[in-house]
Protein backbone atom coordinates (compact mmCIF):
# COMPACT_ATOMS: atom_id res chain seq x y z
CA ASN A 1 17.41 31.41 -127.48
CA ILE A 2 20.70 29.24 -129.04
CA SER A 3 23.88 30.54 -127.08
CA LEU A 4 21.74 29.00 -123.17
CA PRO A 5 24.30 28.14 -120.50
CA GLU A 6 25.03 24.96 -120.22
CA GLU A 7 23.46 23.94 -117.16
CA ASP A 8 20.15 25.66 -118.85
CA LYS A 9 20.32 22.94 -121.69
CA MET A 10 20.99 20.49 -119.58
CA ILE A 11 17.70 21.10 -117.28
CA ASN A 12 15.31 21.52 -119.57
CA PHE A 13 16.65 17.98 -121.22
CA ALA A 14 16.50 17.10 -117.32
CA LYS A 15 12.33 19.00 -117.27
CA LYS A 16 11.79 16.89 -120.83
CA PHE A 17 11.48 13.09 -118.01
CA ILE A 18 8.88 14.96 -115.25
CA GLY A 19 6.22 12.00 -114.41
CA VAL A 20 9.04 9.01 -115.58
CA PRO A 21 8.41 6.58 -113.13
CA TYR A 22 10.54 5.83 -109.59
CA GLN A 23 12.50 2.19 -110.38
CA TYR A 24 14.54 1.37 -107.77
CA GLY A 25 18.16 0.59 -109.21
CA GLY A 26 16.27 2.27 -112.91
CA THR A 27 18.98 4.16 -115.03
CA GLY A 28 17.27 4.53 -118.07
CA GLU A 29 14.24 6.31 -119.20
CA GLY A 30 11.39 3.67 -118.41
CA GLY A 31 12.70 4.66 -114.72
CA PHE A 32 14.52 5.89 -112.82
CA ASP A 33 15.84 6.15 -108.92
CA CYS A 34 17.71 9.25 -107.93
CA SER A 35 21.26 8.34 -107.97
CA GLY A 36 20.75 7.15 -111.61
CA TYR A 37 19.09 9.86 -112.84
CA THR A 38 21.79 12.80 -111.91
CA GLN A 39 24.00 10.42 -113.49
CA PHE A 40 21.93 9.71 -116.81
CA VAL A 41 21.81 13.61 -116.85
CA LEU A 42 25.07 14.68 -116.21
CA GLY A 43 26.26 12.03 -118.72
CA ASN A 44 24.46 13.51 -121.03
CA TYR A 45 26.46 16.63 -120.97
CA GLY A 46 30.10 14.66 -120.55
CA TYR A 47 30.23 14.44 -117.14
CA SER A 48 31.40 11.00 -115.29
CA ILE A 49 29.99 10.66 -112.47
CA PRO A 50 30.26 7.02 -109.70
CA ARG A 51 26.74 5.14 -109.36
CA SER A 52 25.24 5.68 -105.81
CA ALA A 53 24.13 9.46 -104.39
CA ARG A 54 26.52 8.72 -101.67
CA THR A 55 30.29 7.91 -103.94
CA GLN A 56 28.61 11.13 -106.18
CA LYS A 57 29.34 13.78 -103.35
CA SER A 58 32.22 12.31 -102.55
CA ALA A 59 33.18 12.06 -106.65
CA LEU A 60 31.84 15.78 -106.46
CA LYS A 61 33.41 19.71 -105.68
CA PRO A 62 31.92 20.80 -102.02
CA VAL A 63 30.12 23.46 -102.64
CA LYS A 64 28.07 26.44 -100.41
CA ILE A 65 24.86 25.30 -99.48
CA LYS A 66 23.87 29.00 -100.39
CA ASN A 67 26.16 28.79 -102.77
CA ALA A 68 24.18 26.39 -104.84
CA GLU A 69 23.70 27.03 -108.84
CA LYS A 70 22.21 25.26 -111.46
CA GLY A 71 23.43 22.00 -112.77
CA ASP A 72 24.55 21.87 -109.31
CA LEU A 73 24.27 18.36 -106.89
CA VAL A 74 22.09 18.37 -103.74
CA PHE A 75 22.62 15.53 -101.13
CA PHE A 76 20.63 14.12 -98.50
CA SER A 77 20.40 12.86 -95.35
CA LYS A 78 18.23 11.33 -92.45
CA ASN A 79 20.24 11.25 -90.34
CA LYS A 80 21.78 15.11 -91.31
CA SER A 81 25.15 12.67 -91.25
CA LYS A 82 27.23 13.37 -94.68
CA LYS A 83 28.81 9.96 -94.49
CA ASN A 84 24.88 8.48 -94.57
CA ILE A 85 23.66 10.17 -97.83
CA THR A 86 20.68 8.68 -98.60
CA HIS A 87 19.25 11.01 -102.08
CA VAL A 88 20.17 13.61 -104.67
CA GLY A 89 18.57 15.84 -106.85
CA ILE A 90 19.85 18.58 -109.72
CA VAL A 91 20.00 22.64 -108.83
CA ILE A 92 17.78 24.41 -111.48
CA SER A 93 17.37 27.36 -109.57
CA ASN A 94 20.34 30.11 -109.18
CA PRO A 95 22.19 31.75 -106.57
CA GLY A 96 19.51 33.91 -104.08
CA GLU A 97 16.03 32.14 -104.78
CA ASP A 98 14.14 29.72 -102.89
CA LEU A 99 16.83 26.41 -103.78
CA MET A 100 15.19 24.18 -106.76
CA MET A 101 16.11 20.77 -107.56
CA ILE A 102 14.14 18.12 -109.78
CA HIS A 103 14.82 14.73 -108.81
CA ALA A 104 13.63 11.49 -109.31
CA SER A 105 10.78 11.13 -105.75
CA SER A 106 10.01 7.21 -105.26
CA SER A 107 6.53 8.49 -104.99
CA ARG A 108 6.29 10.40 -107.47
CA GLY A 109 8.70 9.67 -110.53
CA ILE A 110 11.11 12.88 -112.13
CA MET A 111 9.48 15.92 -110.64
CA ILE A 112 10.44 19.15 -109.39
CA THR A 113 10.62 19.92 -105.78
CA ASN A 114 11.61 23.45 -103.75
CA ILE A 115 13.65 22.86 -101.33
CA THR A 116 13.65 25.55 -99.52
CA ILE A 117 9.86 25.72 -98.71
CA ASP A 118 9.48 22.20 -98.12
CA SER A 119 9.53 20.57 -95.06
CA TYR A 120 10.35 17.27 -95.84
CA TRP A 121 13.39 17.76 -97.97
CA SER A 122 14.69 20.86 -96.13
CA PRO A 123 15.50 19.53 -92.72
CA LYS A 124 18.28 16.43 -94.67
CA LEU A 125 19.59 18.79 -96.61
CA VAL A 126 23.72 18.33 -96.00
CA ALA A 127 25.82 18.95 -98.52
CA VAL A 128 25.64 20.68 -102.55
CA GLY A 129 28.35 19.11 -104.93
CA ARG A 130 29.82 20.78 -108.17
CA PRO A 131 30.72 18.18 -111.25
CA THR A 132 33.45 19.31 -112.85
CA LYS A 133 34.57 17.59 -116.48
C-alpha cells in the first residue's frame, strides 16, 4: 500500500528497531532510552519533541487514555502522579483494541507490549499525548 497513513509509516519505522538494546541516555540506533527512542522516531517524521519523558508529556496535546490512537505517546508513572513521569512509549494500536505500545524497555530494549493485559505497565499508565507539528 503506497498511501499508508503517516502513523502507520511511523510505526513501521519504529518496528525496525525491535531488539536494539536499551541504553541510558541513548538517542541513536546503537541504543535508546525510552524518551530518546520516542524523540528519534517522531523526529524522523517531522515532530519536534523535548528529550525527557516528563517534558514530552508537557509538550503534547493531552488525550483521554481511551481515545489513544496510533502515533500518540503513552506516559507512565510509578506512583500514578502525572508530574512524576518515568516512562514513555508509542501507541501502535487503534481505539477499541487492546492498548499496545512500542517502547525502549530497560530490560529488553525496543519491544512491543500490550499495556491492557500487562500487570506491570497497566497500573502505571497515567496519560496520553498527541504530537502536533
